[in-house]
Amino acid sequence: MQEQYRTLAREGVHETEINRSRFICALAPVATEQEAQDFVARVRKEHPTATHNCFAYVIGADAAVQKASDDGEPGGTAGVPMLQMLMRREVRYVAAVVTRYYGGVKLGAGGLIRAYGGVVGEALDVLGTVTRQRFRLATVTVDHQRAGRLENELRATGRAVRDVRYGEAVTLEIGLPDADVAGFRAWLADATAGTARLELGGEAYGDA
């Protein structure tokens, strides 16, 4: 499993004009292949009169799922350069749709490859990326008396407190890099005089 991956900071659109053709790149962070396909369908619906709606997406921290479509452009001149740009920039869990309105001037294969790949690169620059770090989900259970101070100390030391639940005791859900688990266990015992309980859960990704 990858220690971290980079993805898109936010959904957005970037447009450029090349030889009178409009190239509109829509990018979105997507968690699953179904979300990617839904995004492609949504953009197509927004541009029903476009000459082409080409797409590419990469799903999985290890880029396990990669799909691209030229949508009627000459084979390998649209979807593939879009996908290559996503891979070159090492972004994951992202879908790109480039909508083209033809302006009457043929670009040729090389021109198309540069245009489709280029507009995706420009859109990534405009929208920005974020890095997600792999971590272990952990649950800390502590008495009410110590909970407030412990939560403050966790946040002060940069721990990702994901959730706090109040019941008979207080349960704090946090994210820990695997390498920190042993050190955190010792710190927690020290901070709570050995009264807190730590349970380790599954793995997830969060902001690095």
C-alpha atoms as a PDB file:
ATOM      1  CA  MET A   1       0.000   0.000   0.000  1.00  0.00           C
ATOM      2  CA  GLN A   2       1.319   3.448  -0.941  1.00  0.00           C
ATOM      3  CA  GLU A   3       2.486   5.621   1.961  1.00  0.00           C
ATOM      4  CA  GLN A   4       0.965   8.682   0.314  1.00  0.00           C
ATOM      5  CA  TYR A   5      -0.528   9.960  -2.899  1.00  0.00           C
ATOM      6  CA  ARG A   6      -1.319  13.303  -4.504  1.00  0.00           C
ATOM      7  CA  THR A   7      -4.786  14.304  -5.643  1.00  0.00           C
ATOM      8  CA  LEU A   8      -6.700  17.327  -6.842  1.00  0.00           C
ATOM      9  CA  ALA A   9      -7.351  20.062  -4.274  1.00  0.00           C
ATOM     10  CA  ARG A  10     -10.819  20.948  -5.629  1.00  0.00           C
ATOM     11  CA  GLU A  11     -13.132  20.500  -8.577  1.00  0.00           C
ATOM     12  CA  GLY A  12     -12.936  23.162 -11.279  1.00  0.00           C
ATOM     13  CA  VAL A  13     -12.697  24.153 -14.928  1.00  0.00           C
ATOM     14  CA  HIS A  14      -9.931  25.725 -17.018  1.00  0.00           C
ATOM     15  CA  GLU A  15     -10.360  26.889 -20.599  1.00  0.00           C
ATOM     16  CA  THR A  16      -7.878  27.698 -23.354  1.00  0.00           C
ATOM     17  CA  GLU A  17      -8.164  28.502 -27.072  1.00  0.00           C
ATOM     18  CA  ILE A  18      -5.847  26.970 -29.661  1.00  0.00           C
ATOM     19  CA  ASN A  19      -6.243  27.869 -33.354  1.00  0.00           C
ATOM     20  CA  ARG A  20      -9.834  28.963 -32.762  1.00  0.00           C
ATOM     21  CA  SER A  21     -10.768  25.640 -31.081  1.00  0.00           C
ATOM     22  CA  ARG A  22     -11.967  25.965 -27.475  1.00  0.00           C
ATOM     23  CA  PHE A  23     -10.560  23.381 -25.078  1.00  0.00           C
ATOM     24  CA  ILE A  24     -12.378  23.294 -21.724  1.00  0.00           C
ATOM     25  CA  CYS A  25     -10.830  21.017 -19.097  1.00  0.00           C
ATOM     26  CA  ALA A  26     -13.050  19.982 -16.178  1.00  0.00           C
ATOM     27  CA  LEU A  27     -11.256  18.213 -13.313  1.00  0.00           C
ATOM     28  CA  ALA A  28     -12.737  16.552 -10.238  1.00  0.00           C
ATOM     29  CA  PRO A  29     -11.443  14.473  -7.312  1.00  0.00           C
ATOM     30  CA  VAL A  30     -13.238  11.089  -7.430  1.00  0.00           C
ATOM     31  CA  ALA A  31     -13.176   8.218  -4.930  1.00  0.00           C
ATOM     32  CA  THR A  32     -14.355   5.405  -7.238  1.00  0.00           C
ATOM     33  CA  GLU A  33     -14.593   4.515 -10.908  1.00  0.00           C
ATOM     34  CA  GLN A  34     -18.372   4.996 -10.701  1.00  0.00           C
ATOM     35  CA  GLU A  35     -17.855   8.570  -9.456  1.00  0.00           C
ATOM     36  CA  ALA A  36     -15.461   9.180 -12.361  1.00  0.00           C
ATOM     37  CA  GLN A  37     -18.021   7.884 -14.873  1.00  0.00           C
ATOM     38  CA  ASP A  38     -20.779   9.985 -13.289  1.00  0.00           C
ATOM     39  CA  PHE A  39     -18.559  13.074 -13.579  1.00  0.00           C
ATOM     40  CA  VAL A  40     -17.859  12.349 -17.264  1.00  0.00           C
ATOM     41  CA  ALA A  41     -21.613  11.922 -17.896  1.00  0.00           C
ATOM     42  CA  ARG A  42     -22.354  15.198 -16.091  1.00  0.00           C
ATOM     43  CA  VAL A  43     -19.842  17.173 -18.166  1.00  0.00           C
ATOM     44  CA  ARG A  44     -21.176  15.603 -21.382  1.00  0.00           C
ATOM     45  CA  LYS A  45     -24.675  16.730 -20.407  1.00  0.00           C
ATOM     46  CA  GLU A  46     -23.373  20.275 -19.835  1.00  0.00           C
ATOM     47  CA  HIS A  47     -21.831  20.359 -23.342  1.00  0.00           C
ATOM     48  CA  PRO A  48     -24.234  18.438 -25.609  1.00  0.00           C
ATOM     49  CA  THR A  49     -23.212  20.407 -28.738  1.00  0.00           C
ATOM     50  CA  ALA A  50     -19.437  20.032 -28.256  1.00  0.00           C
ATOM     51  CA  THR A  51     -17.405  18.398 -31.039  1.00  0.00           C
ATOM     52  CA  HIS A  52     -15.719  16.056 -28.540  1.00  0.00           C
ATOM     53  CA  ASN A  53     -15.835  15.267 -24.797  1.00  0.00           C
ATOM     54  CA  CYS A  54     -12.646  13.268 -24.213  1.00  0.00           C
ATOM     55  CA  PHE A  55     -11.806  11.903 -20.776  1.00  0.00           C
ATOM     56  CA  ALA A  56      -9.177  10.228 -18.637  1.00  0.00           C
ATOM     57  CA  TYR A  57      -9.193   9.119 -15.024  1.00  0.00           C
ATOM     58  CA  VAL A  58      -6.880   7.474 -12.513  1.00  0.00           C
ATOM     59  CA  ILE A  59      -8.294   5.635  -9.485  1.00  0.00           C
ATOM     60  CA  GLY A  60      -6.286   4.087  -6.638  1.00  0.00           C
ATOM     61  CA  ALA A  61      -3.269   5.307  -4.695  1.00  0.00           C
ATOM     62  CA  ASP A  62      -1.242   2.878  -6.830  1.00  0.00           C
ATOM     63  CA  ALA A  63      -3.080   3.992 -10.035  1.00  0.00           C
ATOM     64  CA  ALA A  64      -4.682   0.542 -10.327  1.00  0.00           C
ATOM     65  CA  VAL A  65      -7.502   1.831 -12.584  1.00  0.00           C
ATOM     66  CA  GLN A  66      -6.597   3.960 -15.620  1.00  0.00           C
ATOM     67  CA  LYS A  67      -9.079   4.742 -18.397  1.00  0.00           C
ATOM     68  CA  ALA A  68      -9.015   7.127 -21.341  1.00  0.00           C
ATOM     69  CA  SER A  69     -11.291   7.933 -24.290  1.00  0.00           C
ATOM     70  CA  ASP A  70     -10.589   9.906 -27.488  1.00  0.00           C
ATOM     71  CA  ASP A  71     -14.339  10.374 -28.106  1.00  0.00           C
ATOM     72  CA  GLY A  72     -13.974  10.536 -31.879  1.00  0.00           C
ATOM     73  CA  GLU A  73     -10.601  12.275 -32.092  1.00  0.00           C
ATOM     74  CA  PRO A  74      -7.905  10.307 -34.005  1.00  0.00           C
ATOM     75  CA  GLY A  75      -6.765   7.328 -31.876  1.00  0.00           C
ATOM     76  CA  GLY A  76      -4.260   8.202 -29.165  1.00  0.00           C
ATOM     77  CA  THR A  77      -4.419  12.000 -29.681  1.00  0.00           C
ATOM     78  CA  ALA A  78      -6.736  12.990 -26.819  1.00  0.00           C
ATOM     79  CA  GLY A  79      -7.534  10.576 -23.976  1.00  0.00           C
ATOM     80  CA  VAL A  80      -4.044   9.038 -23.855  1.00  0.00           C
ATOM     81  CA  PRO A  81      -2.125  12.364 -23.621  1.00  0.00           C
ATOM     82  CA  MET A  82      -4.630  13.458 -20.955  1.00  0.00           C
ATOM     83  CA  LEU A  83      -3.988  10.242 -18.993  1.00  0.00           C
ATOM     84  CA  GLN A  84      -0.233  10.614 -19.483  1.00  0.00           C
ATOM     85  CA  MET A  85      -0.384  14.133 -18.024  1.00  0.00           C
ATOM     86  CA  LEU A  86      -2.263  12.876 -14.942  1.00  0.00           C
ATOM     87  CA  MET A  87       0.318  10.102 -14.508  1.00  0.00           C
ATOM     88  CA  ARG A  88       3.289  12.427 -15.119  1.00  0.00           C
ATOM     89  CA  ARG A  89       1.963  14.794 -12.455  1.00  0.00           C
ATOM     90  CA  GLU A  90       1.425  11.746 -10.196  1.00  0.00           C
ATOM     91  CA  VAL A  91      -2.177  12.628  -9.325  1.00  0.00           C
ATOM     92  CA  ARG A  92      -4.569   9.886  -8.220  1.00  0.00           C
ATOM     93  CA  TYR A  93      -8.331   9.631  -7.632  1.00  0.00           C
ATOM     94  CA  VAL A  94      -8.927  12.263 -10.296  1.00  0.00           C
ATOM     95  CA  ALA A  95     -11.069  12.494 -13.440  1.00  0.00           C
ATOM     96  CA  ALA A  96     -10.446  14.874 -16.348  1.00  0.00           C
ATOM     97  CA  VAL A  97     -12.838  15.723 -19.173  1.00  0.00           C
ATOM     98  CA  VAL A  98     -11.667  17.951 -22.017  1.00  0.00           C
ATOM     99  CA  THR A  99     -14.504  19.404 -24.050  1.00  0.00           C
ATOM    100  CA  ARG A 100     -13.534  20.644 -27.514  1.00  0.00           C
ATOM    101  CA  TYR A 101     -15.509  23.048 -29.648  1.00  0.00           C
ATOM    102  CA  TYR A 102     -13.921  22.833 -33.114  1.00  0.00           C
ATOM    103  CA  GLY A 103     -12.883  26.210 -34.534  1.00  0.00           C
ATOM    104  CA  GLY A 104     -12.340  25.283 -38.170  1.00  0.00           C
ATOM    105  CA  VAL A 105      -8.554  24.799 -38.129  1.00  0.00           C
ATOM    106  CA  LYS A 106      -7.157  21.250 -38.064  1.00  0.00           C
ATOM    107  CA  LEU A 107      -4.395  20.820 -35.489  1.00  0.00           C
ATOM    108  CA  GLY A 108      -2.892  17.556 -36.739  1.00  0.00           C
ATOM    109  CA  ALA A 109      -2.003  14.635 -34.480  1.00  0.00           C
ATOM    110  CA  GLY A 110       0.935  16.381 -32.772  1.00  0.00           C
ATOM    111  CA  GLY A 111      -1.110  19.532 -32.206  1.00  0.00           C
ATOM    112  CA  LEU A 112      -3.987  17.550 -30.692  1.00  0.00           C
ATOM    113  CA  ILE A 113      -1.668  15.642 -28.358  1.00  0.00           C
ATOM    114  CA  ARG A 114      -0.095  18.901 -27.149  1.00  0.00           C
ATOM    115  CA  ALA A 115      -3.492  20.598 -26.786  1.00  0.00           C
ATOM    116  CA  TYR A 116      -5.248  17.828 -24.831  1.00  0.00           C
ATOM    117  CA  GLY A 117      -2.278  17.031 -22.571  1.00  0.00           C
ATOM    118  CA  GLY A 118      -1.434  20.713 -22.158  1.00  0.00           C
ATOM    119  CA  VAL A 119      -4.873  21.890 -21.045  1.00  0.00           C
ATOM    120  CA  VAL A 120      -4.965  19.140 -18.365  1.00  0.00           C
ATOM    121  CA  GLY A 121      -1.536  20.270 -17.081  1.00  0.00           C
ATOM    122  CA  GLU A 122      -2.699  23.912 -17.012  1.00  0.00           C
ATOM    123  CA  ALA A 123      -5.902  22.948 -15.157  1.00  0.00           C
ATOM    124  CA  LEU A 124      -3.863  21.052 -12.525  1.00  0.00           C
ATOM    125  CA  ASP A 125      -1.691  24.147 -12.045  1.00  0.00           C
ATOM    126  CA  VAL A 126      -4.750  26.381 -11.642  1.00  0.00           C
ATOM    127  CA  LEU A 127      -6.690  24.098  -9.269  1.00  0.00           C
ATOM    128  CA  GLY A 128      -3.725  22.803  -7.266  1.00  0.00           C
ATOM    129  CA  THR A 129      -3.045  19.441  -5.631  1.00  0.00           C
ATOM    130  CA  VAL A 130      -2.917  18.077  -2.085  1.00  0.00           C
ATOM    131  CA  THR A 131      -0.983  15.150  -0.628  1.00  0.00           C
ATOM    132  CA  ARG A 132      -2.815  12.458   1.302  1.00  0.00           C
ATOM    133  CA  GLN A 133      -0.828  10.419   3.827  1.00  0.00           C
ATOM    134  CA  ARG A 134      -1.589   6.833   4.785  1.00  0.00           C
ATOM    135  CA  PHE A 135      -2.342   6.401   8.470  1.00  0.00           C
ATOM    136  CA  ARG A 136      -3.752   3.927  10.954  1.00  0.00           C
ATOM    137  CA  LEU A 137      -7.153   4.691  12.477  1.00  0.00           C
ATOM    138  CA  ALA A 138      -6.960   4.498  16.250  1.00  0.00           C
ATOM    139  CA  THR A 139      -9.511   4.944  19.020  1.00  0.00           C
ATOM    140  CA  VAL A 140      -8.546   6.399  22.396  1.00  0.00           C
ATOM    141  CA  THR A 141     -11.011   5.895  25.266  1.00  0.00           C
ATOM    142  CA  VAL A 142     -10.496   8.084  28.308  1.00  0.00           C
ATOM    143  CA  ASP A 143     -12.526   9.349  31.295  1.00  0.00           C
ATOM    144  CA  HIS A 144     -14.369  12.697  31.075  1.00  0.00           C
ATOM    145  CA  GLN A 145     -12.028  14.315  33.566  1.00  0.00           C
ATOM    146  CA  ARG A 146      -8.978  13.890  31.315  1.00  0.00           C
ATOM    147  CA  ALA A 147     -10.682  14.117  27.906  1.00  0.00           C
ATOM    148  CA  GLY A 148     -10.583  17.893  27.347  1.00  0.00           C
ATOM    149  CA  ARG A 149      -6.922  18.262  28.196  1.00  0.00           C
ATOM    150  CA  LEU A 150      -6.011  15.163  26.174  1.00  0.00           C
ATOM    151  CA  GLU A 151      -7.869  16.445  23.104  1.00  0.00           C
ATOM    152  CA  ASN A 152      -6.061  19.797  23.388  1.00  0.00           C
ATOM    153  CA  GLU A 153      -2.691  18.057  23.709  1.00  0.00           C
ATOM    154  CA  LEU A 154      -3.431  15.818  20.717  1.00  0.00           C
ATOM    155  CA  ARG A 155      -4.260  18.825  18.546  1.00  0.00           C
ATOM    156  CA  ALA A 156      -1.276  20.783  19.880  1.00  0.00           C
ATOM    157  CA  THR A 157       1.073  17.944  18.860  1.00  0.00           C
ATOM    158  CA  GLY A 158      -0.430  17.882  15.355  1.00  0.00           C
ATOM    159  CA  ARG A 159      -2.410  14.650  15.719  1.00  0.00           C
ATOM    160  CA  ALA A 160      -5.394  14.338  13.398  1.00  0.00           C
ATOM    161  CA  VAL A 161      -8.435  14.148  15.722  1.00  0.00           C
ATOM    162  CA  ARG A 162     -11.167  12.879  13.411  1.00  0.00           C
ATOM    163  CA  ASP A 163     -14.049  12.445  15.806  1.00  0.00           C
ATOM    164  CA  VAL A 164     -14.941  12.848  19.506  1.00  0.00           C
ATOM    165  CA  ARG A 165     -17.845  10.930  21.069  1.00  0.00           C
ATOM    166  CA  TYR A 166     -19.181  11.366  24.586  1.00  0.00           C
ATOM    167  CA  GLY A 167     -20.716   8.419  26.414  1.00  0.00           C
ATOM    168  CA  GLU A 168     -19.874   6.833  29.750  1.00  0.00           C
ATOM    169  CA  ALA A 169     -16.303   7.599  28.751  1.00  0.00           C
ATOM    170  CA  VAL A 170     -14.999   9.844  25.960  1.00  0.00           C
ATOM    171  CA  THR A 171     -13.854   8.245  22.704  1.00  0.00           C
ATOM    172  CA  LEU A 172     -11.466  10.119  20.436  1.00  0.00           C
ATOM    173  CA  GLU A 173     -10.818   8.817  16.949  1.00  0.00           C
ATOM    174  CA  ILE A 174      -7.408   9.768  15.597  1.00  0.00           C
ATOM    175  CA  GLY A 175      -5.134   9.032  12.666  1.00  0.00           C
ATOM    176  CA  LEU A 176      -1.563   7.832  13.279  1.00  0.00           C
ATOM    177  CA  PRO A 177       1.240   7.075  10.822  1.00  0.00           C
ATOM    178  CA  ASP A 178       2.188   3.402  11.365  1.00  0.00           C
ATOM    179  CA  ALA A 179       5.701   4.405  12.430  1.00  0.00           C
ATOM    180  CA  ASP A 180       4.262   6.512  15.280  1.00  0.00           C
ATOM    181  CA  VAL A 181       2.109   3.836  16.937  1.00  0.00           C
ATOM    182  CA  ALA A 182       4.661   2.621  19.516  1.00  0.00           C
ATOM    183  CA  GLY A 183       5.753   6.157  20.424  1.00  0.00           C
ATOM    184  CA  PHE A 184       2.168   7.322  20.688  1.00  0.00           C
ATOM    185  CA  ARG A 185       1.250   4.422  22.980  1.00  0.00           C
ATOM    186  CA  ALA A 186       4.021   5.465  25.371  1.00  0.00           C
ATOM    187  CA  TRP A 187       3.068   9.172  25.147  1.00  0.00           C
ATOM    188  CA  LEU A 188      -0.600   8.343  25.844  1.00  0.00           C
ATOM    189  CA  ALA A 189       0.218   6.226  28.899  1.00  0.00           C
ATOM    190  CA  ASP A 190       2.331   9.089  30.206  1.00  0.00           C
ATOM    191  CA  ALA A 191      -0.257  11.791  29.435  1.00  0.00           C
ATOM    192  CA  THR A 192      -3.149   9.933  31.090  1.00  0.00           C
ATOM    193  CA  ALA A 193      -1.281   8.124  33.896  1.00  0.00           C
ATOM    194  CA  GLY A 194      -2.024   4.840  32.135  1.00  0.00           C
ATOM    195  CA  THR A 195      -5.817   5.286  32.284  1.00  0.00           C
ATOM    196  CA  ALA A 196      -6.538   5.660  28.532  1.00  0.00           C
ATOM    197  CA  ARG A 197      -7.229   2.677  26.286  1.00  0.00           C
ATOM    198  CA  LEU A 198      -5.867   2.580  22.724  1.00  0.00           C
ATOM    199  CA  GLU A 199      -7.413   0.393  20.035  1.00  0.00           C
ATOM    200  CA  LEU A 200      -5.983   0.215  16.537  1.00  0.00           C
ATOM    201  CA  GLY A 201      -8.326   0.018  13.550  1.00  0.00           C
ATOM    202  CA  GLY A 202      -7.931  -0.134   9.799  1.00  0.00           C
ATOM    203  CA  GLU A 203      -5.963   2.072   7.435  1.00  0.00           C
ATOM    204  CA  ALA A 204      -7.067   5.197   5.603  1.00  0.00           C
ATOM    205  CA  TYR A 205      -5.632   8.264   3.909  1.00  0.00           C
ATOM    206  CA  GLY A 206      -5.814  11.830   5.159  1.00  0.00           C
ATOM    207  CA  ASP A 207      -4.188  15.215   4.686  1.00  0.00           C
ATOM    208  CA  ALA A 208      -0.424  15.022   4.990  1.00  0.00           C
END
